C-alpha atoms as a PDB file:
ATOM      1  CA  MET A   1      -0.219   0.063   0.064  1.00  0.00           C
ATOM      2  CA  LEU A   2       1.257   3.442  -0.536  1.00  0.00           C
ATOM      3  CA  ALA A   3      -0.712   6.351   0.681  1.00  0.00           C
ATOM      4  CA  THR A   4      -0.531   9.483  -1.061  1.00  0.00           C
ATOM      5  CA  THR A   5      -1.539  13.766  -0.059  1.00  0.00           C
ATOM      6  CA  THR A   6      -2.451  16.420  -2.311  1.00  0.00           C
ATOM      7  CA  ALA A   7      -2.544  19.867  -2.069  1.00  0.00           C
ATOM      8  CA  TYR A   8      -6.001  20.011  -1.986  1.00  0.00           C
ATOM      9  CA  GLY A   9      -6.905  18.021   1.366  1.00  0.00           C
ATOM     10  CA  GLU A  10      -7.163  14.537  -0.761  1.00  0.00           C
ATOM     11  CA  VAL A  11      -5.388  11.423   0.497  1.00  0.00           C
ATOM     12  CA  ARG A  12      -4.429   8.990  -1.507  1.00  0.00           C
ATOM     13  CA  HIS A  13      -3.996   5.462  -1.792  1.00  0.00           C
ATOM     14  CA  TYR A  14      -2.536   2.646  -4.242  1.00  0.00           C
ATOM     15  CA  ASP A  15      -1.541  -0.811  -3.798  1.00  0.00           C
ATOM     16  CA  ILE A  16       1.377  -1.373  -5.949  1.00  0.00           C
ATOM     17  CA  ARG A  17       0.932  -5.551  -5.807  1.00  0.00           C
ATOM     18  CA  ALA A  18      -2.252  -5.171  -8.191  1.00  0.00           C
ATOM     19  CA  SER A  19      -2.008  -1.876  -9.934  1.00  0.00           C
ATOM     20  CA  ASN A  20      -1.374   1.508 -10.314  1.00  0.00           C
ATOM     21  CA  LYS A  21      -4.651   2.368  -9.602  1.00  0.00           C
ATOM     22  CA  ILE A  22      -6.480   5.072  -7.368  1.00  0.00           C
ATOM     23  CA  ILE A  23      -7.997   2.628  -4.427  1.00  0.00           C
ATOM     24  CA  SER A  24      -9.711   5.052  -2.301  1.00  0.00           C
ATOM     25  CA  ASN A  25      -9.386   8.357  -2.502  1.00  0.00           C
ATOM     26  CA  ALA A  26     -10.634  11.019   0.899  1.00  0.00           C
ATOM     27  CA  GLN A  27     -11.062  14.256   1.347  1.00  0.00           C
ATOM     28  CA  ILE A  28      -9.480  15.081   4.269  1.00  0.00           C
ATOM     29  CA  THR A  29     -10.800  19.254   4.590  1.00  0.00           C
ATOM     30  CA  LYS A  30     -13.166  21.347   3.406  1.00  0.00           C
ATOM     31  CA  GLU A  31     -10.586  24.281   3.036  1.00  0.00           C
ATOM     32  CA  GLN A  32      -7.466  24.008   0.297  1.00  0.00           C
ATOM     33  CA  MET A  33      -5.314  22.800   2.732  1.00  0.00           C
ATOM     34  CA  GLN A  34      -2.078  21.500   1.699  1.00  0.00           C
ATOM     35  CA  LEU A  35      -1.444  18.164   3.487  1.00  0.00           C
ATOM     36  CA  THR A  36       2.893  18.097   3.217  1.00  0.00           C
ATOM     37  CA  HIS A  37       3.856  14.892   5.222  1.00  0.00           C
ATOM     38  CA  VAL A  38       2.167  11.109   5.357  1.00  0.00           C
ATOM     39  CA  LEU A  39       2.892   8.389   8.558  1.00  0.00           C
ATOM     40  CA  GLN A  40       1.708   5.496   8.937  1.00  0.00           C
ATOM     41  CA  SER A  41       2.052   4.515  12.520  1.00  0.00           C
ATOM     42  CA  LYS A  42       4.586   1.945  13.822  1.00  0.00           C
ATOM     43  CA  ILE A  43       2.385   0.608  16.192  1.00  0.00           C
ATOM     44  CA  ASN A  44      -1.228  -0.226  14.490  1.00  0.00           C
ATOM     45  CA  GLU A  45      -0.866  -0.251  10.944  1.00  0.00           C
ATOM     46  CA  HIS A  46      -4.545   1.225  10.398  1.00  0.00           C
ATOM     47  CA  ILE A  47      -3.633   4.494  12.205  1.00  0.00           C
ATOM     48  CA  LEU A  48      -2.183   7.888   9.054  1.00  0.00           C
ATOM     49  CA  TYR A  49      -0.246  10.634  10.052  1.00  0.00           C
ATOM     50  CA  VAL A  50      -1.175  13.834   7.744  1.00  0.00           C
ATOM     51  CA  MET A  51       0.603  17.021   8.593  1.00  0.00           C
ATOM     52  CA  SER A  52      -0.855  20.140   6.883  1.00  0.00           C
ATOM     53  CA  GLN A  53       1.203  23.536   5.450  1.00  0.00           C
ATOM     54  CA  GLU A  54      -0.853  24.985   8.455  1.00  0.00           C
ATOM     55  CA  GLY A  55       1.447  23.030  11.833  1.00  0.00           C
ATOM     56  CA  HIS A  56      -1.500  20.947  11.706  1.00  0.00           C
ATOM     57  CA  LEU A  57      -0.870  17.085  12.786  1.00  0.00           C
ATOM     58  CA  ILE A  58      -4.175  15.124  11.805  1.00  0.00           C
ATOM     59  CA  GLN A  59      -4.757  11.308  12.825  1.00  0.00           C
ATOM     60  CA  LEU A  60      -6.663   8.965  10.395  1.00  0.00           C
ATOM     61  CA  ASP A  61      -7.730   5.357  10.125  1.00  0.00           C
ATOM     62  CA  ARG A  62      -7.158   3.728   7.000  1.00  0.00           C
ATOM     63  CA  ARG A  63      -9.998   1.149   7.120  1.00  0.00           C
ATOM     64  CA  PHE A  64     -13.122   3.887   7.129  1.00  0.00           C
ATOM     65  CA  ASN A  65     -11.869   5.497   4.287  1.00  0.00           C
ATOM     66  CA  CYS A  66      -9.090   7.596   5.973  1.00  0.00           C
ATOM     67  CA  ARG A  67     -11.631   8.868   8.721  1.00  0.00           C
ATOM     68  CA  MET A  68     -10.500  11.725  10.217  1.00  0.00           C
ATOM     69  CA  ILE A  69      -9.724  10.067  14.207  1.00  0.00           C
ATOM     70  CA  ARG A  70      -7.996  13.833  15.512  1.00  0.00           C
ATOM     71  CA  LYS A  71      -6.886  16.556  14.762  1.00  0.00           C
ATOM     72  CA  MET A  72      -4.007  18.190  16.575  1.00  0.00           C
ATOM     73  CA  PRO A  73      -3.638  21.621  16.232  1.00  0.00           C
ATOM     74  CA  GLY A  74       0.687  22.911  16.183  1.00  0.00           C
ATOM     75  CA  ALA A  75       2.546  25.995  16.097  1.00  0.00           C
ATOM     76  CA  LYS A  76       1.830  28.332  13.050  1.00  0.00           C
ATOM     77  CA  GLY A  77       4.323  27.331  10.393  1.00  0.00           C
ATOM     78  CA  SER A  78       5.225  24.318   8.481  1.00  0.00           C
ATOM     79  CA  VAL A  79       5.801  20.953   9.268  1.00  0.00           C
ATOM     80  CA  ARG A  80       9.282  20.061   8.792  1.00  0.00           C
ATOM     81  CA  ASP A  81       9.537  16.273  10.254  1.00  0.00           C
ATOM     82  CA  VAL A  82       7.510  14.308  12.506  1.00  0.00           C
END
């Protein structure tokens, strides 16, 4: 599985073993918030962490089409690393 983010606030999943087609496309934010980084949890394989350009950390659950579990607001500015 491969997860990518877009500048339009979407998270896209690809299954590179089967084909290069999009499996799911989830709209995370209503406003055009640029998502910069995506990271899979090392504890739970179904959890993704997505960072926004505004400095927010968003926790998503892949089992439910990337439903937002929580949004953790941070400092203003871009996220460089998690």
